[in-house]
């Protein structure tokens, strides 16, 4: 996982637990065959793709209230 992507994603989702949940859910989808929502000239790991999707605003999330 690239540190620069992680730092940029943390600016979007500052709660570490929420970021982990969003990224891990998306990584599972990517590993099951979902197409990436971002393009890259380099070969990225599913984790890096998910972080890039967060950075570029391609993934949305909702925080539920209990």
N, C-alpha and C. Protein backbone atom coordinates (compact mmCIF):
# COMPACT_ATOMS: atom_id res chain seq x y z
N UNK A 1 0.85 -1.17 0.00
CA UNK A 1 0.00 0.00 0.00
C UNK A 1 0.90 1.24 0.00
N UNK A 2 0.60 2.14 -0.89
CA UNK A 2 1.45 3.33 -1.02
C UNK A 2 1.11 4.37 0.04
N UNK A 3 2.14 4.86 0.72
CA UNK A 3 1.95 5.84 1.79
C UNK A 3 1.32 7.13 1.28
N UNK A 4 1.72 7.58 0.08
CA UNK A 4 1.17 8.83 -0.43
C UNK A 4 -0.33 8.70 -0.68
N UNK A 5 -0.79 7.56 -1.17
CA UNK A 5 -2.22 7.36 -1.37
C UNK A 5 -2.95 7.31 -0.02
N UNK A 6 -2.34 6.65 0.94
CA UNK A 6 -2.95 6.55 2.27
C UNK A 6 -3.11 7.92 2.90
N UNK A 7 -2.09 8.74 2.83
CA UNK A 7 -2.16 10.09 3.41
C UNK A 7 -3.22 10.94 2.72
N UNK A 8 -3.31 10.84 1.40
CA UNK A 8 -4.33 11.61 0.66
C UNK A 8 -5.73 11.11 1.01
N UNK A 9 -5.91 9.81 1.14
CA UNK A 9 -7.22 9.24 1.47
C UNK A 9 -7.64 9.65 2.89
N UNK A 10 -6.67 9.78 3.79
CA UNK A 10 -6.98 10.19 5.16
C UNK A 10 -7.46 11.63 5.22
N UNK A 11 -7.14 12.43 4.22
CA UNK A 11 -7.67 13.79 4.15
C UNK A 11 -9.15 13.77 3.79
N UNK A 12 -9.59 12.74 3.07
CA UNK A 12 -10.99 12.60 2.67
C UNK A 12 -11.80 11.94 3.78
N UNK A 13 -11.27 10.84 4.30
CA UNK A 13 -11.92 10.09 5.40
C UNK A 13 -10.95 10.10 6.57
N UNK A 14 -11.16 11.02 7.50
CA UNK A 14 -10.20 11.20 8.59
C UNK A 14 -10.29 10.12 9.66
N UNK A 15 -11.43 9.48 9.81
CA UNK A 15 -11.60 8.41 10.79
C UNK A 15 -10.92 7.14 10.26
N UNK A 16 -9.87 6.71 10.93
CA UNK A 16 -9.08 5.56 10.46
C UNK A 16 -9.92 4.30 10.33
N UNK A 17 -10.80 4.04 11.30
CA UNK A 17 -11.63 2.83 11.26
C UNK A 17 -12.57 2.87 10.06
N UNK A 18 -13.15 4.02 9.79
CA UNK A 18 -14.05 4.14 8.66
C UNK A 18 -13.29 3.96 7.34
N UNK A 19 -12.11 4.54 7.25
CA UNK A 19 -11.29 4.39 6.05
C UNK A 19 -10.95 2.92 5.81
N UNK A 20 -10.57 2.22 6.86
CA UNK A 20 -10.25 0.80 6.74
C UNK A 20 -11.46 0.01 6.25
N UNK A 21 -12.62 0.30 6.80
CA UNK A 21 -13.83 -0.42 6.39
C UNK A 21 -14.19 -0.14 4.94
N UNK A 22 -14.11 1.11 4.52
CA UNK A 22 -14.45 1.48 3.14
C UNK A 22 -13.48 0.81 2.17
N UNK A 23 -12.19 0.92 2.46
CA UNK A 23 -11.17 0.35 1.57
C UNK A 23 -11.26 -1.17 1.54
N UNK A 24 -11.41 -1.81 2.68
CA UNK A 24 -11.45 -3.28 2.69
C UNK A 24 -12.67 -3.82 1.96
N UNK A 25 -13.80 -3.15 2.09
CA UNK A 25 -14.99 -3.58 1.36
C UNK A 25 -14.78 -3.46 -0.15
N UNK A 26 -14.16 -2.36 -0.56
CA UNK A 26 -13.91 -2.15 -1.99
C UNK A 26 -12.87 -3.14 -2.52
N UNK A 27 -11.85 -3.44 -1.71
CA UNK A 27 -10.82 -4.42 -2.12
C UNK A 27 -11.48 -5.78 -2.38
N UNK A 28 -12.40 -6.19 -1.51
CA UNK A 28 -13.11 -7.45 -1.71
C UNK A 28 -13.86 -7.44 -3.04
N UNK A 29 -14.52 -6.31 -3.34
CA UNK A 29 -15.25 -6.21 -4.60
C UNK A 29 -14.29 -6.31 -5.79
N UNK A 30 -13.16 -5.64 -5.71
CA UNK A 30 -12.18 -5.67 -6.80
C UNK A 30 -11.62 -7.07 -7.01
N UNK A 31 -11.35 -7.77 -5.91
CA UNK A 31 -10.81 -9.12 -6.01
C UNK A 31 -11.83 -10.11 -6.56
N UNK A 32 -13.11 -9.77 -6.42
CA UNK A 32 -14.16 -10.64 -6.97
C UNK A 32 -14.50 -10.29 -8.41
N UNK A 33 -13.78 -9.32 -8.98
CA UNK A 33 -13.96 -9.04 -10.40
C UNK A 33 -14.57 -7.71 -10.75
N UNK A 34 -14.91 -6.89 -9.77
CA UNK A 34 -15.44 -5.56 -10.09
C UNK A 34 -14.38 -4.74 -10.81
N UNK A 35 -14.83 -3.92 -11.73
CA UNK A 35 -13.89 -3.09 -12.49
C UNK A 35 -13.49 -1.88 -11.67
N UNK A 36 -12.21 -1.50 -11.76
CA UNK A 36 -11.76 -0.29 -11.07
C UNK A 36 -12.47 0.95 -11.62
N UNK A 37 -12.73 1.91 -10.76
CA UNK A 37 -13.39 3.15 -11.15
C UNK A 37 -12.38 4.23 -11.54
N UNK A 38 -11.10 3.90 -11.42
CA UNK A 38 -10.03 4.83 -11.81
C UNK A 38 -9.10 4.11 -12.77
N UNK A 39 -8.47 4.90 -13.62
CA UNK A 39 -7.49 4.32 -14.55
C UNK A 39 -6.10 4.67 -14.09
N UNK A 40 -5.17 3.79 -14.37
CA UNK A 40 -3.78 4.02 -14.00
C UNK A 40 -2.87 3.43 -15.06
N UNK A 41 -1.80 4.13 -15.33
CA UNK A 41 -0.82 3.63 -16.28
C UNK A 41 0.08 2.57 -15.67
N UNK A 42 0.14 2.56 -14.34
CA UNK A 42 0.95 1.57 -13.65
C UNK A 42 0.05 0.49 -13.06
N UNK A 43 0.63 -0.67 -12.79
CA UNK A 43 -0.11 -1.77 -12.18
C UNK A 43 -0.24 -1.50 -10.68
N UNK A 44 -1.47 -1.33 -10.21
CA UNK A 44 -1.71 -1.03 -8.80
C UNK A 44 -2.33 -2.24 -8.11
N UNK A 45 -2.03 -2.39 -6.83
CA UNK A 45 -2.67 -3.43 -6.04
C UNK A 45 -4.14 -3.03 -5.81
N UNK A 46 -4.99 -3.99 -5.48
CA UNK A 46 -6.39 -3.64 -5.20
C UNK A 46 -6.52 -2.60 -4.08
N UNK A 47 -5.62 -2.67 -3.10
CA UNK A 47 -5.66 -1.69 -2.01
C UNK A 47 -5.37 -0.29 -2.52
N UNK A 48 -4.39 -0.17 -3.40
CA UNK A 48 -4.06 1.15 -3.95
C UNK A 48 -5.16 1.66 -4.87
N UNK A 49 -5.78 0.76 -5.61
CA UNK A 49 -6.91 1.17 -6.47
C UNK A 49 -8.03 1.72 -5.59
N UNK A 50 -8.35 1.02 -4.51
CA UNK A 50 -9.42 1.46 -3.61
C UNK A 50 -9.09 2.82 -3.00
N UNK A 51 -7.84 3.02 -2.60
CA UNK A 51 -7.44 4.32 -2.04
C UNK A 51 -7.56 5.42 -3.09
N UNK A 52 -7.14 5.15 -4.31
CA UNK A 52 -7.26 6.13 -5.39
C UNK A 52 -8.73 6.48 -5.65
N UNK A 53 -9.60 5.47 -5.57
CA UNK A 53 -11.03 5.72 -5.75
C UNK A 53 -11.57 6.64 -4.67
N UNK A 54 -11.11 6.46 -3.44
CA UNK A 54 -11.51 7.35 -2.35
C UNK A 54 -10.99 8.76 -2.63
N UNK A 55 -9.73 8.88 -2.98
CA UNK A 55 -9.10 10.18 -3.23
C UNK A 55 -9.82 10.94 -4.33
N UNK A 56 -10.19 10.23 -5.39
CA UNK A 56 -10.82 10.87 -6.54
C UNK A 56 -12.34 11.02 -6.41
N UNK A 57 -12.88 10.64 -5.26
CA UNK A 57 -14.31 10.82 -5.01
C UNK A 57 -15.20 9.83 -5.75
N UNK A 58 -14.65 8.71 -6.15
CA UNK A 58 -15.42 7.70 -6.89
C UNK A 58 -16.22 6.79 -5.95
N UNK A 59 -15.82 6.78 -4.69
CA UNK A 59 -16.51 5.95 -3.70
C UNK A 59 -17.18 6.89 -2.70
N UNK A 60 -18.46 6.64 -2.46
CA UNK A 60 -19.17 7.41 -1.45
C UNK A 60 -19.48 6.50 -0.27
N UNK A 61 -19.73 7.09 0.87
CA UNK A 61 -20.03 6.32 2.06
C UNK A 61 -20.96 7.13 2.93
N UNK A 62 -21.69 6.43 3.77
CA UNK A 62 -22.59 7.08 4.72
C UNK A 62 -22.24 6.60 6.11
N UNK A 63 -22.32 7.50 7.04
CA UNK A 63 -22.09 7.15 8.44
C UNK A 63 -23.47 7.05 9.08
N UNK A 64 -23.80 5.85 9.55
CA UNK A 64 -25.10 5.64 10.18
C UNK A 64 -25.13 6.16 11.60
N UNK A 65 -26.31 6.47 12.06
CA UNK A 65 -26.48 6.91 13.45
C UNK A 65 -27.22 5.83 14.20
N UNK A 66 -26.79 5.57 15.42
CA UNK A 66 -27.43 4.54 16.24
C UNK A 66 -28.24 5.16 17.31
